[in-house]
Amino acid sequence: MRLDYTKASPGGVKAFGSVYGYIMQSGLDNVLVDLVYLRVSQINGCAYCLDMHTRELVTKGVKVEKLALVQAWHEAGALFSDREKAALAWAESVTRVADTHVPDDVFQAAAAVFSEKELADLTMAISLMNAFNRLAISFRREPEAALAPKD
């Protein structure tokens, strides 16, 4: 690890934690939020967050077949609900904002299945995960799987 940002800036980490706490009590389904966190982390290539959110989804009962297809959700048929599909499309567009500029059709698809509050909260969750990914990648935070004893 290059730098332990949790020790270098505990107040900043605590502030992010407050946003995380808000998201988890916002009324959005926790599995949906974790699927979005996983997809954002896949796009950004954040090993630490990929490991963490995969583990969390497994403990919440999400089957490995679904986890394996998160990055290809649009080809997975009925495996993902309409809300999950809209959330994943929104997450991809918001995460790639410099390229996509979040087009109207993606917004309209998300707005068709999420209330205004839900969509605002979902966007905060996506933004938060992008921030966490940038911290973990920038400072080379190692995933739990890499820290486990080798066989």
N, C-alpha and C. Protein backbone atom coordinates (compact mmCIF):
# COMPACT_ATOMS: atom_id res chain seq x y z
N MET A 1 0.85 -1.17 0.00
CA MET A 1 0.00 0.00 0.00
C MET A 1 0.89 1.24 0.00
N ARG A 2 0.52 2.19 -0.82
CA ARG A 2 1.29 3.43 -0.90
C ARG A 2 1.10 4.31 0.34
N LEU A 3 -0.13 4.37 0.80
CA LEU A 3 -0.49 5.26 1.90
C LEU A 3 -1.77 4.73 2.52
N ASP A 4 -1.88 4.74 3.82
CA ASP A 4 -3.10 4.32 4.50
C ASP A 4 -3.98 5.56 4.70
N TYR A 5 -4.85 5.79 3.74
CA TYR A 5 -5.69 6.99 3.78
C TYR A 5 -6.66 6.99 4.95
N THR A 6 -6.98 5.81 5.50
CA THR A 6 -7.86 5.77 6.66
C THR A 6 -7.20 6.36 7.89
N LYS A 7 -5.86 6.26 7.96
CA LYS A 7 -5.11 6.86 9.07
C LYS A 7 -4.69 8.29 8.75
N ALA A 8 -4.38 8.54 7.48
CA ALA A 8 -3.93 9.88 7.10
C ALA A 8 -5.06 10.91 7.17
N SER A 9 -6.28 10.48 6.89
CA SER A 9 -7.41 11.40 6.87
C SER A 9 -8.66 10.75 7.47
N PRO A 10 -8.62 10.48 8.78
CA PRO A 10 -9.77 9.81 9.40
C PRO A 10 -11.06 10.62 9.30
N GLY A 11 -10.95 11.93 9.33
CA GLY A 11 -12.15 12.76 9.21
C GLY A 11 -12.79 12.64 7.83
N GLY A 12 -11.97 12.58 6.80
CA GLY A 12 -12.49 12.40 5.44
C GLY A 12 -13.16 11.05 5.27
N VAL A 13 -12.53 10.01 5.81
CA VAL A 13 -13.10 8.66 5.74
C VAL A 13 -14.42 8.61 6.52
N LYS A 14 -14.45 9.30 7.67
CA LYS A 14 -15.67 9.35 8.47
C LYS A 14 -16.80 10.05 7.70
N ALA A 15 -16.45 11.11 6.97
CA ALA A 15 -17.45 11.82 6.17
C ALA A 15 -18.02 10.92 5.08
N PHE A 16 -17.14 10.17 4.39
CA PHE A 16 -17.61 9.21 3.40
C PHE A 16 -18.47 8.14 4.07
N GLY A 17 -18.08 7.72 5.26
CA GLY A 17 -18.85 6.74 6.01
C GLY A 17 -20.25 7.23 6.33
N SER A 18 -20.38 8.51 6.59
CA SER A 18 -21.70 9.09 6.85
C SER A 18 -22.59 9.00 5.61
N VAL A 19 -22.00 9.26 4.45
CA VAL A 19 -22.77 9.14 3.20
C VAL A 19 -23.15 7.68 2.98
N TYR A 20 -22.22 6.77 3.22
CA TYR A 20 -22.50 5.33 3.10
C TYR A 20 -23.66 4.94 4.03
N GLY A 21 -23.61 5.40 5.26
CA GLY A 21 -24.67 5.12 6.22
C GLY A 21 -26.02 5.65 5.74
N TYR A 22 -26.01 6.86 5.18
CA TYR A 22 -27.24 7.42 4.64
C TYR A 22 -27.80 6.53 3.53
N ILE A 23 -26.94 6.13 2.61
CA ILE A 23 -27.38 5.30 1.48
C ILE A 23 -28.00 4.00 1.98
N MET A 24 -27.37 3.38 2.98
CA MET A 24 -27.85 2.08 3.47
C MET A 24 -29.20 2.19 4.18
N GLN A 25 -29.56 3.37 4.65
CA GLN A 25 -30.87 3.55 5.30
C GLN A 25 -31.83 4.36 4.42
N SER A 26 -31.45 4.61 3.20
CA SER A 26 -32.25 5.47 2.32
C SER A 26 -33.53 4.85 1.82
N GLY A 27 -33.64 3.55 1.93
CA GLY A 27 -34.81 2.85 1.40
C GLY A 27 -34.50 2.08 0.13
N LEU A 28 -33.34 2.34 -0.47
CA LEU A 28 -32.93 1.54 -1.62
C LEU A 28 -32.61 0.13 -1.15
N ASP A 29 -32.95 -0.85 -1.95
CA ASP A 29 -32.65 -2.24 -1.62
C ASP A 29 -31.14 -2.42 -1.49
N ASN A 30 -30.69 -3.01 -0.39
CA ASN A 30 -29.26 -3.16 -0.14
C ASN A 30 -28.56 -4.04 -1.16
N VAL A 31 -29.24 -5.07 -1.65
CA VAL A 31 -28.64 -5.92 -2.68
C VAL A 31 -28.47 -5.13 -3.98
N LEU A 32 -29.47 -4.34 -4.34
CA LEU A 32 -29.37 -3.51 -5.53
C LEU A 32 -28.19 -2.54 -5.40
N VAL A 33 -28.05 -1.92 -4.25
CA VAL A 33 -26.94 -0.98 -4.03
C VAL A 33 -25.60 -1.71 -4.15
N ASP A 34 -25.49 -2.89 -3.56
CA ASP A 34 -24.24 -3.63 -3.66
C ASP A 34 -23.95 -4.10 -5.08
N LEU A 35 -24.99 -4.44 -5.86
CA LEU A 35 -24.78 -4.78 -7.27
C LEU A 35 -24.23 -3.57 -8.02
N VAL A 36 -24.78 -2.40 -7.72
CA VAL A 36 -24.29 -1.17 -8.34
C VAL A 36 -22.85 -0.90 -7.92
N TYR A 37 -22.55 -1.07 -6.63
CA TYR A 37 -21.17 -0.88 -6.16
C TYR A 37 -20.23 -1.84 -6.88
N LEU A 38 -20.66 -3.06 -7.07
CA LEU A 38 -19.84 -4.05 -7.76
C LEU A 38 -19.60 -3.63 -9.21
N ARG A 39 -20.66 -3.18 -9.89
CA ARG A 39 -20.51 -2.79 -11.30
C ARG A 39 -19.61 -1.57 -11.44
N VAL A 40 -19.78 -0.59 -10.60
CA VAL A 40 -18.92 0.60 -10.63
C VAL A 40 -17.47 0.18 -10.41
N SER A 41 -17.24 -0.70 -9.47
CA SER A 41 -15.88 -1.16 -9.16
C SER A 41 -15.30 -1.99 -10.30
N GLN A 42 -16.14 -2.71 -11.04
CA GLN A 42 -15.67 -3.43 -12.23
C GLN A 42 -15.20 -2.44 -13.28
N ILE A 43 -15.99 -1.42 -13.53
CA ILE A 43 -15.63 -0.41 -14.54
C ILE A 43 -14.31 0.26 -14.18
N ASN A 44 -14.15 0.59 -12.90
CA ASN A 44 -12.95 1.29 -12.45
C ASN A 44 -11.76 0.37 -12.20
N GLY A 45 -11.99 -0.93 -12.16
CA GLY A 45 -10.91 -1.88 -11.93
C GLY A 45 -10.37 -1.84 -10.52
N CYS A 46 -11.24 -1.68 -9.53
CA CYS A 46 -10.83 -1.58 -8.14
C CYS A 46 -10.87 -2.95 -7.48
N ALA A 47 -9.73 -3.59 -7.35
CA ALA A 47 -9.66 -4.94 -6.78
C ALA A 47 -10.18 -4.98 -5.35
N TYR A 48 -9.81 -3.99 -4.55
CA TYR A 48 -10.25 -3.97 -3.14
C TYR A 48 -11.78 -3.98 -3.06
N CYS A 49 -12.42 -3.09 -3.82
CA CYS A 49 -13.88 -2.98 -3.76
C CYS A 49 -14.58 -4.16 -4.44
N LEU A 50 -14.00 -4.68 -5.51
CA LEU A 50 -14.56 -5.87 -6.16
C LEU A 50 -14.62 -7.03 -5.17
N ASP A 51 -13.54 -7.24 -4.47
CA ASP A 51 -13.46 -8.31 -3.48
C ASP A 51 -14.49 -8.09 -2.38
N MET A 52 -14.54 -6.89 -1.84
CA MET A 52 -15.43 -6.59 -0.72
C MET A 52 -16.90 -6.74 -1.13
N HIS A 53 -17.30 -6.18 -2.25
CA HIS A 53 -18.72 -6.22 -2.62
C HIS A 53 -19.16 -7.60 -3.11
N THR A 54 -18.25 -8.33 -3.70
CA THR A 54 -18.58 -9.72 -4.06
C THR A 54 -18.84 -10.52 -2.80
N ARG A 55 -17.98 -10.38 -1.81
CA ARG A 55 -18.17 -11.08 -0.54
C ARG A 55 -19.49 -10.68 0.12
N GLU A 56 -19.80 -9.39 0.11
CA GLU A 56 -21.04 -8.92 0.73
C GLU A 56 -22.26 -9.49 0.02
N LEU A 57 -22.23 -9.54 -1.30
CA LEU A 57 -23.36 -10.06 -2.05
C LEU A 57 -23.54 -11.56 -1.80
N VAL A 58 -22.44 -12.28 -1.68
CA VAL A 58 -22.52 -13.71 -1.38
C VAL A 58 -23.18 -13.91 -0.01
N THR A 59 -22.78 -13.10 0.98
CA THR A 59 -23.38 -13.26 2.31
C THR A 59 -24.85 -12.87 2.32
N LYS A 60 -25.28 -12.06 1.36
CA LYS A 60 -26.69 -11.68 1.25
C LYS A 60 -27.49 -12.67 0.41
N GLY A 61 -26.83 -13.76 -0.01
CA GLY A 61 -27.54 -14.82 -0.71
C GLY A 61 -27.59 -14.71 -2.22
N VAL A 62 -26.86 -13.77 -2.80
CA VAL A 62 -26.84 -13.65 -4.26
C VAL A 62 -26.01 -14.81 -4.82
N LYS A 63 -26.58 -15.49 -5.79
CA LYS A 63 -25.93 -16.66 -6.36
C LYS A 63 -24.75 -16.28 -7.25
N VAL A 64 -23.75 -17.14 -7.26
CA VAL A 64 -22.53 -16.90 -8.03
C VAL A 64 -22.82 -16.70 -9.51
N GLU A 65 -23.86 -17.37 -10.03
CA GLU A 65 -24.21 -17.22 -11.45
C GLU A 65 -24.60 -15.78 -11.76
N LYS A 66 -25.29 -15.14 -10.83
CA LYS A 66 -25.67 -13.75 -11.04
C LYS A 66 -24.46 -12.84 -10.90
N LEU A 67 -23.63 -13.09 -9.90
CA LEU A 67 -22.42 -12.29 -9.70
C LEU A 67 -21.51 -12.35 -10.93
N ALA A 68 -21.41 -13.54 -11.51
CA ALA A 68 -20.54 -13.72 -12.68
C ALA A 68 -21.03 -12.93 -13.88
N LEU A 69 -22.31 -12.60 -13.90
CA LEU A 69 -22.87 -11.91 -15.06
C LEU A 69 -23.14 -10.42 -14.85
N VAL A 70 -22.73 -9.89 -13.72
CA VAL A 70 -22.97 -8.46 -13.48
C VAL A 70 -22.38 -7.61 -14.60
N GLN A 71 -21.18 -7.92 -15.04
CA GLN A 71 -20.57 -7.09 -16.07
C GLN A 71 -21.22 -7.25 -17.44
N ALA A 72 -22.04 -8.30 -17.61
CA ALA A 72 -22.76 -8.52 -18.86
C ALA A 72 -24.27 -8.58 -18.59
N TRP A 73 -24.74 -7.79 -17.65
CA TRP A 73 -26.13 -7.81 -17.21
C TRP A 73 -27.10 -7.65 -18.38
N HIS A 74 -26.73 -6.84 -19.36
CA HIS A 74 -27.63 -6.56 -20.49
C HIS A 74 -27.84 -7.78 -21.38
N GLU A 75 -27.01 -8.80 -21.21
CA GLU A 75 -27.14 -10.04 -21.98
C GLU A 75 -27.67 -11.18 -21.13
N ALA A 76 -28.02 -10.92 -19.88
CA ALA A 76 -28.36 -11.98 -18.93
C ALA A 76 -29.86 -12.25 -18.82
N GLY A 77 -30.64 -11.75 -19.75
CA GLY A 77 -32.07 -12.04 -19.76
C GLY A 77 -32.76 -11.61 -18.49
N ALA A 78 -33.59 -12.52 -17.96
CA ALA A 78 -34.41 -12.21 -16.80
C ALA A 78 -33.68 -12.40 -15.47
N LEU A 79 -32.39 -12.68 -15.52
CA LEU A 79 -31.62 -12.86 -14.28
C LEU A 79 -31.63 -11.59 -13.44
N PHE A 80 -31.67 -10.43 -14.10
CA PHE A 80 -31.71 -9.14 -13.41
C PHE A 80 -33.09 -8.53 -13.59
N SER A 81 -33.63 -7.95 -12.51
CA SER A 81 -34.94 -7.30 -12.56
C SER A 81 -34.85 -6.01 -13.37
N ASP A 82 -36.01 -5.45 -13.72
CA ASP A 82 -36.03 -4.19 -14.45
C ASP A 82 -35.36 -3.08 -13.65
N ARG A 83 -35.57 -3.06 -12.33
CA ARG A 83 -34.93 -2.04 -11.49
C ARG A 83 -33.41 -2.24 -11.47
N GLU A 84 -32.98 -3.48 -11.37
CA GLU A 84 -31.53 -3.76 -11.38
C GLU A 84 -30.92 -3.34 -12.72
N LYS A 85 -31.58 -3.66 -13.82
CA LYS A 85 -31.07 -3.28 -15.13
C LYS A 85 -30.97 -1.76 -15.27
N ALA A 86 -32.01 -1.06 -14.84
CA ALA A 86 -32.00 0.40 -14.91
C ALA A 86 -30.90 0.97 -14.02
N ALA A 87 -30.73 0.40 -12.82
CA ALA A 87 -29.69 0.88 -11.91
C ALA A 87 -28.30 0.62 -12.47
N LEU A 88 -28.09 -0.53 -13.07
CA LEU A 88 -26.78 -0.85 -13.63
C LEU A 88 -26.47 0.03 -14.84
N ALA A 89 -27.47 0.27 -15.69
CA ALA A 89 -27.26 1.17 -16.83
C ALA A 89 -26.94 2.58 -16.35
N TRP A 90 -27.68 3.05 -15.33
CA TRP A 90 -27.45 4.38 -14.76
C TRP A 90 -26.03 4.44 -14.17
N ALA A 91 -25.66 3.40 -13.43
CA ALA A 91 -24.33 3.36 -12.81
C ALA A 91 -23.23 3.42 -13.86
N GLU A 92 -23.39 2.70 -14.95
CA GLU A 92 -22.39 2.71 -16.01
C GLU A 92 -22.26 4.09 -16.63
N SER A 93 -23.40 4.72 -16.92
CA SER A 93 -23.38 6.03 -17.56
C SER A 93 -22.83 7.11 -16.65
N VAL A 94 -23.24 7.09 -15.38
CA VAL A 94 -22.75 8.09 -14.42
C VAL A 94 -21.25 7.88 -14.15
N THR A 95 -20.82 6.64 -14.04
CA THR A 95 -19.40 6.36 -13.80
C THR A 95 -18.55 6.82 -14.98
N ARG A 96 -19.06 6.67 -16.17
CA ARG A 96 -18.32 7.07 -17.40
C ARG A 96 -18.77 8.44 -17.89
N VAL A 97 -19.11 9.32 -16.97
CA VAL A 97 -19.72 10.61 -17.28
C VAL A 97 -18.91 11.41 -18.31
N ALA A 98 -17.60 11.35 -18.28
CA ALA A 98 -16.79 12.12 -19.23
C ALA A 98 -17.03 11.65 -20.66
N ASP A 99 -17.36 10.38 -20.84
CA ASP A 99 -17.63 9.83 -22.17
C ASP A 99 -19.11 9.89 -22.54
N THR A 100 -19.99 9.64 -21.57
CA THR A 100 -21.41 9.50 -21.88
C THR A 100 -22.22 10.79 -21.74
N HIS A 101 -21.80 11.64 -20.83
CA HIS A 101 -22.57 12.83 -20.46
C HIS A 101 -23.98 12.47 -20.00
N VAL A 102 -24.17 11.24 -19.58
CA VAL A 102 -25.42 10.71 -19.05
C VAL A 102 -26.61 11.12 -19.94
N PRO A 103 -26.81 10.39 -21.02
CA PRO A 103 -27.83 10.77 -22.00
C PRO A 103 -29.27 10.67 -21.47
N ASP A 104 -30.15 11.38 -22.14
CA ASP A 104 -31.55 11.44 -21.74
C ASP A 104 -32.22 10.07 -21.71
N ASP A 105 -31.91 9.20 -22.66
CA ASP A 105 -32.59 7.90 -22.69
C ASP A 105 -32.23 7.05 -21.48
N VAL A 106 -31.00 7.17 -20.99
CA VAL A 106 -30.60 6.43 -19.80
C VAL A 106 -31.30 7.02 -18.57
N PHE A 107 -31.38 8.34 -18.52
CA PHE A 107 -32.12 8.99 -17.44
C PHE A 107 -33.58 8.58 -17.45
N GLN A 108 -34.20 8.61 -18.61
CA GLN A 108 -35.62 8.27 -18.71
C GLN A 108 -35.88 6.83 -18.29
N ALA A 109 -34.99 5.92 -18.65
CA ALA A 109 -35.15 4.51 -18.25
C ALA A 109 -35.05 4.37 -16.73
N ALA A 110 -34.12 5.09 -16.13
CA ALA A 110 -33.97 5.03 -14.67
C ALA A 110 -35.15 5.72 -13.98
N ALA A 111 -35.57 6.85 -14.50
CA ALA A 111 -36.69 7.60 -13.91
C ALA A 111 -38.01 6.84 -14.03
N ALA A 112 -38.09 5.90 -14.96
CA ALA A 112 -39.31 5.12 -15.13
C ALA A 112 -39.50 4.09 -14.01
N VAL A 113 -38.41 3.71 -13.34
CA VAL A 113 -38.52 2.68 -12.30
C VAL A 113 -38.08 3.15 -10.91
N PHE A 114 -37.52 4.35 -10.82
CA PHE A 114 -37.10 4.91 -9.54
C PHE A 114 -37.78 6.24 -9.31
N SER A 115 -38.17 6.51 -8.06
CA SER A 115 -38.71 7.82 -7.72
C SER A 115 -37.58 8.85 -7.80
N GLU A 116 -37.92 10.11 -7.72
CA GLU A 116 -36.89 11.15 -7.75
C GLU A 116 -35.91 10.98 -6.59
N LYS A 117 -36.42 10.70 -5.40
CA LYS A 117 -35.56 10.50 -4.24
C LYS A 117 -34.67 9.28 -4.45
N GLU A 118 -35.25 8.20 -4.91
CA GLU A 118 -34.45 6.98 -5.15
C GLU A 118 -33.35 7.23 -6.16
N LEU A 119 -33.67 7.95 -7.23
CA LEU A 119 -32.67 8.21 -8.27
C LEU A 119 -31.57 9.15 -7.76
N ALA A 120 -31.95 10.12 -6.95
CA ALA A 120 -30.94 10.99 -6.34
C ALA A 120 -30.04 10.19 -5.40
N ASP A 121 -30.67 9.33 -4.58
CA ASP A 121 -29.89 8.51 -3.64
C ASP A 121 -29.01 7.52 -4.38
N LEU A 122 -29.53 6.92 -5.45
CA LEU A 122 -28.74 5.99 -6.25
C LEU A 122 -27.53 6.70 -6.86
N THR A 123 -27.72 7.91 -7.33
CA THR A 123 -26.62 8.68 -7.91
C THR A 123 -25.58 9.03 -6.85
N MET A 124 -26.04 9.31 -5.63
CA MET A 124 -25.10 9.54 -4.53
C MET A 124 -24.30 8.27 -4.24
N ALA A 125 -24.97 7.12 -4.27
CA ALA A 125 -24.29 5.85 -4.03
C ALA A 125 -23.24 5.60 -5.11
N ILE A 126 -23.59 5.85 -6.35
CA ILE A 126 -22.64 5.67 -7.47
C ILE A 126 -21.46 6.61 -7.30
N SER A 127 -21.73 7.84 -6.97
CA SER A 127 -20.67 8.84 -6.78
C SER A 127 -19.75 8.44 -5.63
N LEU A 128 -20.35 7.96 -4.54
CA LEU A 128 -19.57 7.53 -3.39
C LEU A 128 -18.65 6.37 -3.76
N MET A 129 -19.19 5.39 -4.49
CA MET A 129 -18.35 4.24 -4.86
C MET A 129 -17.23 4.66 -5.80
N ASN A 130 -17.50 5.59 -6.70
CA ASN A 130 -16.42 6.10 -7.55
C ASN A 130 -15.34 6.75 -6.70
N ALA A 131 -15.73 7.48 -5.68
CA ALA A 131 -14.74 8.11 -4.78
C ALA A 131 -13.95 7.04 -4.03
N PHE A 132 -14.64 6.04 -3.46
CA PHE A 132 -13.94 4.97 -2.75
C PHE A 132 -13.00 4.21 -3.69
N ASN A 133 -13.43 3.96 -4.92
CA ASN A 133 -12.56 3.30 -5.90
C ASN A 133 -11.30 4.11 -6.15
N ARG A 134 -11.44 5.40 -6.28
CA ARG A 134 -10.29 6.25 -6.56
C ARG A 134 -9.31 6.27 -5.39
N LEU A 135 -9.83 6.24 -4.18
CA LEU A 135 -8.94 6.16 -3.01
C LEU A 135 -8.20 4.82 -2.99
N ALA A 136 -8.94 3.73 -3.12
CA ALA A 136 -8.33 2.40 -3.02
C ALA A 136 -7.32 2.15 -4.14
N ILE A 137 -7.64 2.59 -5.35
CA ILE A 137 -6.73 2.39 -6.48
C ILE A 137 -5.50 3.29 -6.34
N SER A 138 -5.72 4.55 -6.02
CA SER A 138 -4.61 5.51 -5.93
C SER A 138 -3.58 5.11 -4.89
N PHE A 139 -4.07 4.57 -3.77
CA PHE A 139 -3.16 4.24 -2.68
C PHE A 139 -2.88 2.74 -2.56
N ARG A 140 -3.35 1.97 -3.59
CA ARG A 140 -3.07 0.53 -3.70
C ARG A 140 -3.54 -0.28 -2.50
N ARG A 141 -4.76 -0.04 -2.08
CA ARG A 141 -5.33 -0.82 -0.98
C ARG A 141 -5.55 -2.25 -1.46
N GLU A 142 -5.01 -3.19 -0.73
CA GLU A 142 -5.07 -4.59 -1.16
C GLU A 142 -6.38 -5.24 -0.76
N PRO A 143 -6.93 -6.06 -1.66
CA PRO A 143 -8.16 -6.79 -1.33
C PRO A 143 -7.90 -7.84 -0.26
N GLU A 144 -8.96 -8.14 0.48
CA GLU A 144 -8.85 -9.16 1.54
C GLU A 144 -8.32 -10.47 0.98
N ALA A 145 -8.77 -10.85 -0.21
CA ALA A 145 -8.33 -12.12 -0.81
C ALA A 145 -6.82 -12.15 -0.99
N ALA A 146 -6.21 -11.01 -1.30
CA ALA A 146 -4.76 -10.97 -1.50
C ALA A 146 -4.00 -11.02 -0.20
N LEU A 147 -4.67 -10.65 0.89
CA LEU A 147 -4.02 -10.64 2.20
C LEU A 147 -4.15 -11.99 2.92
N ALA A 148 -5.04 -12.84 2.41
CA ALA A 148 -5.26 -14.15 3.04
C ALA A 148 -4.00 -15.02 2.91
N PRO A 149 -3.78 -15.90 3.86
CA PRO A 149 -2.61 -16.79 3.79
C PRO A 149 -2.65 -17.61 2.50
N LYS A 150 -1.49 -17.78 1.89
CA LYS A 150 -1.37 -18.57 0.65
C LYS A 150 -1.42 -20.06 0.99
N ASP A 151 -2.03 -20.83 0.11
CA ASP A 151 -2.09 -22.29 0.31
C ASP A 151 -0.77 -22.94 0.00
